[in-house]
Amino acid sequence: MRRFTYSDAKSHKFWAIDLKGSSFTVTFGRVGTAGQSQTKTFPTAEKATAW
C-alpha cells in the first residue's frame, strides 16, 4: 500500500492506494480519521496496474 499526505495552513489530508490482483482501493480523508474508500475492479491485474 502506498500512502501520501498533504498539509498546509488549512488542511491535513491523506490518500492511500492498495492494489490487489485485478482491483485497487483508494482510501482518502482528513488525517486522524478512517476516511472513505472506493474500490475499482478490472478484468485483469494488468489492466488494474496500467490504470
N, C-alpha and C. Protein backbone atom coordinates (compact mmCIF):
# COMPACT_ATOMS: atom_id res chain seq x y z
N MET A 1 0.84 -1.17 0.00
CA MET A 1 0.00 0.00 0.00
C MET A 1 0.90 1.24 0.00
N ARG A 2 0.55 2.20 -0.85
CA ARG A 2 1.26 3.48 -0.86
C ARG A 2 0.39 4.50 -0.17
N ARG A 3 1.02 5.35 0.62
CA ARG A 3 0.28 6.37 1.37
C ARG A 3 0.91 7.73 1.10
N PHE A 4 0.06 8.71 0.88
CA PHE A 4 0.50 10.08 0.62
C PHE A 4 -0.21 11.01 1.58
N THR A 5 0.46 12.08 1.97
CA THR A 5 -0.17 13.09 2.81
C THR A 5 0.05 14.47 2.21
N TYR A 6 -0.87 15.37 2.55
CA TYR A 6 -0.77 16.76 2.11
C TYR A 6 -1.12 17.63 3.30
N SER A 7 -0.28 18.60 3.58
CA SER A 7 -0.53 19.52 4.69
C SER A 7 -0.23 20.94 4.26
N ASP A 8 -1.10 21.84 4.67
CA ASP A 8 -0.83 23.27 4.54
C ASP A 8 -1.49 23.96 5.73
N ALA A 9 -1.61 25.26 5.69
CA ALA A 9 -2.15 26.00 6.83
C ALA A 9 -3.61 25.64 7.13
N LYS A 10 -4.35 25.16 6.12
CA LYS A 10 -5.78 24.90 6.32
C LYS A 10 -6.18 23.43 6.28
N SER A 11 -5.33 22.56 5.80
CA SER A 11 -5.75 21.17 5.68
C SER A 11 -4.61 20.20 5.97
N HIS A 12 -5.03 18.98 6.32
CA HIS A 12 -4.08 17.90 6.60
C HIS A 12 -4.77 16.62 6.11
N LYS A 13 -4.48 16.20 4.87
CA LYS A 13 -5.20 15.11 4.23
C LYS A 13 -4.29 13.94 3.89
N PHE A 14 -4.91 12.78 3.65
CA PHE A 14 -4.15 11.61 3.23
C PHE A 14 -4.86 10.89 2.10
N TRP A 15 -4.07 10.14 1.33
CA TRP A 15 -4.56 9.24 0.29
C TRP A 15 -3.77 7.95 0.43
N ALA A 16 -4.44 6.82 0.36
CA ALA A 16 -3.75 5.52 0.39
C ALA A 16 -4.29 4.67 -0.75
N ILE A 17 -3.39 4.02 -1.48
CA ILE A 17 -3.76 3.21 -2.63
C ILE A 17 -3.27 1.79 -2.39
N ASP A 18 -4.19 0.83 -2.48
CA ASP A 18 -3.86 -0.58 -2.24
C ASP A 18 -4.27 -1.40 -3.46
N LEU A 19 -3.29 -1.92 -4.19
CA LEU A 19 -3.53 -2.73 -5.39
C LEU A 19 -3.47 -4.20 -5.02
N LYS A 20 -4.55 -4.94 -5.31
CA LYS A 20 -4.60 -6.38 -5.03
C LYS A 20 -5.21 -7.07 -6.24
N GLY A 21 -4.37 -7.80 -6.95
CA GLY A 21 -4.86 -8.54 -8.11
C GLY A 21 -5.45 -7.63 -9.17
N SER A 22 -6.72 -7.85 -9.50
CA SER A 22 -7.36 -7.08 -10.56
C SER A 22 -8.17 -5.89 -10.05
N SER A 23 -7.93 -5.48 -8.80
CA SER A 23 -8.66 -4.32 -8.28
C SER A 23 -7.75 -3.47 -7.40
N PHE A 24 -8.17 -2.24 -7.20
CA PHE A 24 -7.46 -1.40 -6.25
C PHE A 24 -8.45 -0.60 -5.43
N THR A 25 -8.03 -0.26 -4.22
CA THR A 25 -8.85 0.53 -3.32
C THR A 25 -8.11 1.80 -2.97
N VAL A 26 -8.80 2.92 -3.11
CA VAL A 26 -8.26 4.22 -2.72
C VAL A 26 -9.00 4.66 -1.46
N THR A 27 -8.25 4.97 -0.42
CA THR A 27 -8.82 5.49 0.82
C THR A 27 -8.29 6.90 1.00
N PHE A 28 -9.18 7.84 1.33
CA PHE A 28 -8.76 9.23 1.44
C PHE A 28 -9.58 9.94 2.50
N GLY A 29 -9.01 11.02 3.03
CA GLY A 29 -9.73 11.79 4.03
C GLY A 29 -8.80 12.67 4.84
N ARG A 30 -9.31 13.16 5.94
CA ARG A 30 -8.54 14.00 6.84
C ARG A 30 -7.67 13.12 7.73
N VAL A 31 -6.42 13.49 7.92
CA VAL A 31 -5.52 12.73 8.78
C VAL A 31 -6.14 12.64 10.18
N GLY A 32 -6.10 11.45 10.77
CA GLY A 32 -6.68 11.22 12.09
C GLY A 32 -8.06 10.60 12.02
N THR A 33 -8.61 10.44 10.79
CA THR A 33 -9.90 9.79 10.62
C THR A 33 -9.71 8.51 9.81
N ALA A 34 -10.76 7.69 9.76
CA ALA A 34 -10.71 6.48 8.95
C ALA A 34 -10.79 6.81 7.46
N GLY A 35 -11.37 7.95 7.13
CA GLY A 35 -11.52 8.33 5.73
C GLY A 35 -12.61 7.54 5.05
N GLN A 36 -12.68 7.66 3.74
CA GLN A 36 -13.64 6.89 2.96
C GLN A 36 -12.89 6.14 1.87
N SER A 37 -13.46 5.02 1.45
CA SER A 37 -12.79 4.16 0.47
C SER A 37 -13.62 3.98 -0.78
N GLN A 38 -12.93 3.82 -1.90
CA GLN A 38 -13.56 3.49 -3.17
C GLN A 38 -12.73 2.39 -3.81
N THR A 39 -13.41 1.35 -4.31
CA THR A 39 -12.73 0.23 -4.96
C THR A 39 -13.12 0.17 -6.43
N LYS A 40 -12.14 -0.07 -7.28
CA LYS A 40 -12.37 -0.21 -8.72
C LYS A 40 -11.81 -1.57 -9.13
N THR A 41 -12.62 -2.35 -9.87
CA THR A 41 -12.23 -3.68 -10.30
C THR A 41 -12.09 -3.72 -11.82
N PHE A 42 -11.08 -4.43 -12.30
CA PHE A 42 -10.78 -4.53 -13.73
C PHE A 42 -10.82 -5.99 -14.16
N PRO A 43 -10.90 -6.26 -15.46
CA PRO A 43 -10.94 -7.64 -15.94
C PRO A 43 -9.66 -8.42 -15.65
N THR A 44 -8.51 -7.74 -15.64
CA THR A 44 -7.23 -8.41 -15.39
C THR A 44 -6.37 -7.56 -14.46
N ALA A 45 -5.39 -8.20 -13.84
CA ALA A 45 -4.45 -7.49 -12.98
C ALA A 45 -3.61 -6.50 -13.77
N GLU A 46 -3.30 -6.84 -15.02
CA GLU A 46 -2.51 -5.94 -15.86
C GLU A 46 -3.25 -4.63 -16.13
N LYS A 47 -4.56 -4.73 -16.35
CA LYS A 47 -5.34 -3.51 -16.59
C LYS A 47 -5.46 -2.66 -15.33
N ALA A 48 -5.55 -3.31 -14.19
CA ALA A 48 -5.60 -2.56 -12.92
C ALA A 48 -4.29 -1.82 -12.69
N THR A 49 -3.18 -2.47 -12.99
CA THR A 49 -1.87 -1.84 -12.81
C THR A 49 -1.68 -0.69 -13.79
N ALA A 50 -2.16 -0.85 -15.02
CA ALA A 50 -1.99 0.18 -16.05
C ALA A 50 -2.84 1.41 -15.79
N TRP A 51 -3.98 1.24 -15.13
CA TRP A 51 -4.87 2.37 -14.91
C TRP A 51 -4.25 3.32 -13.95
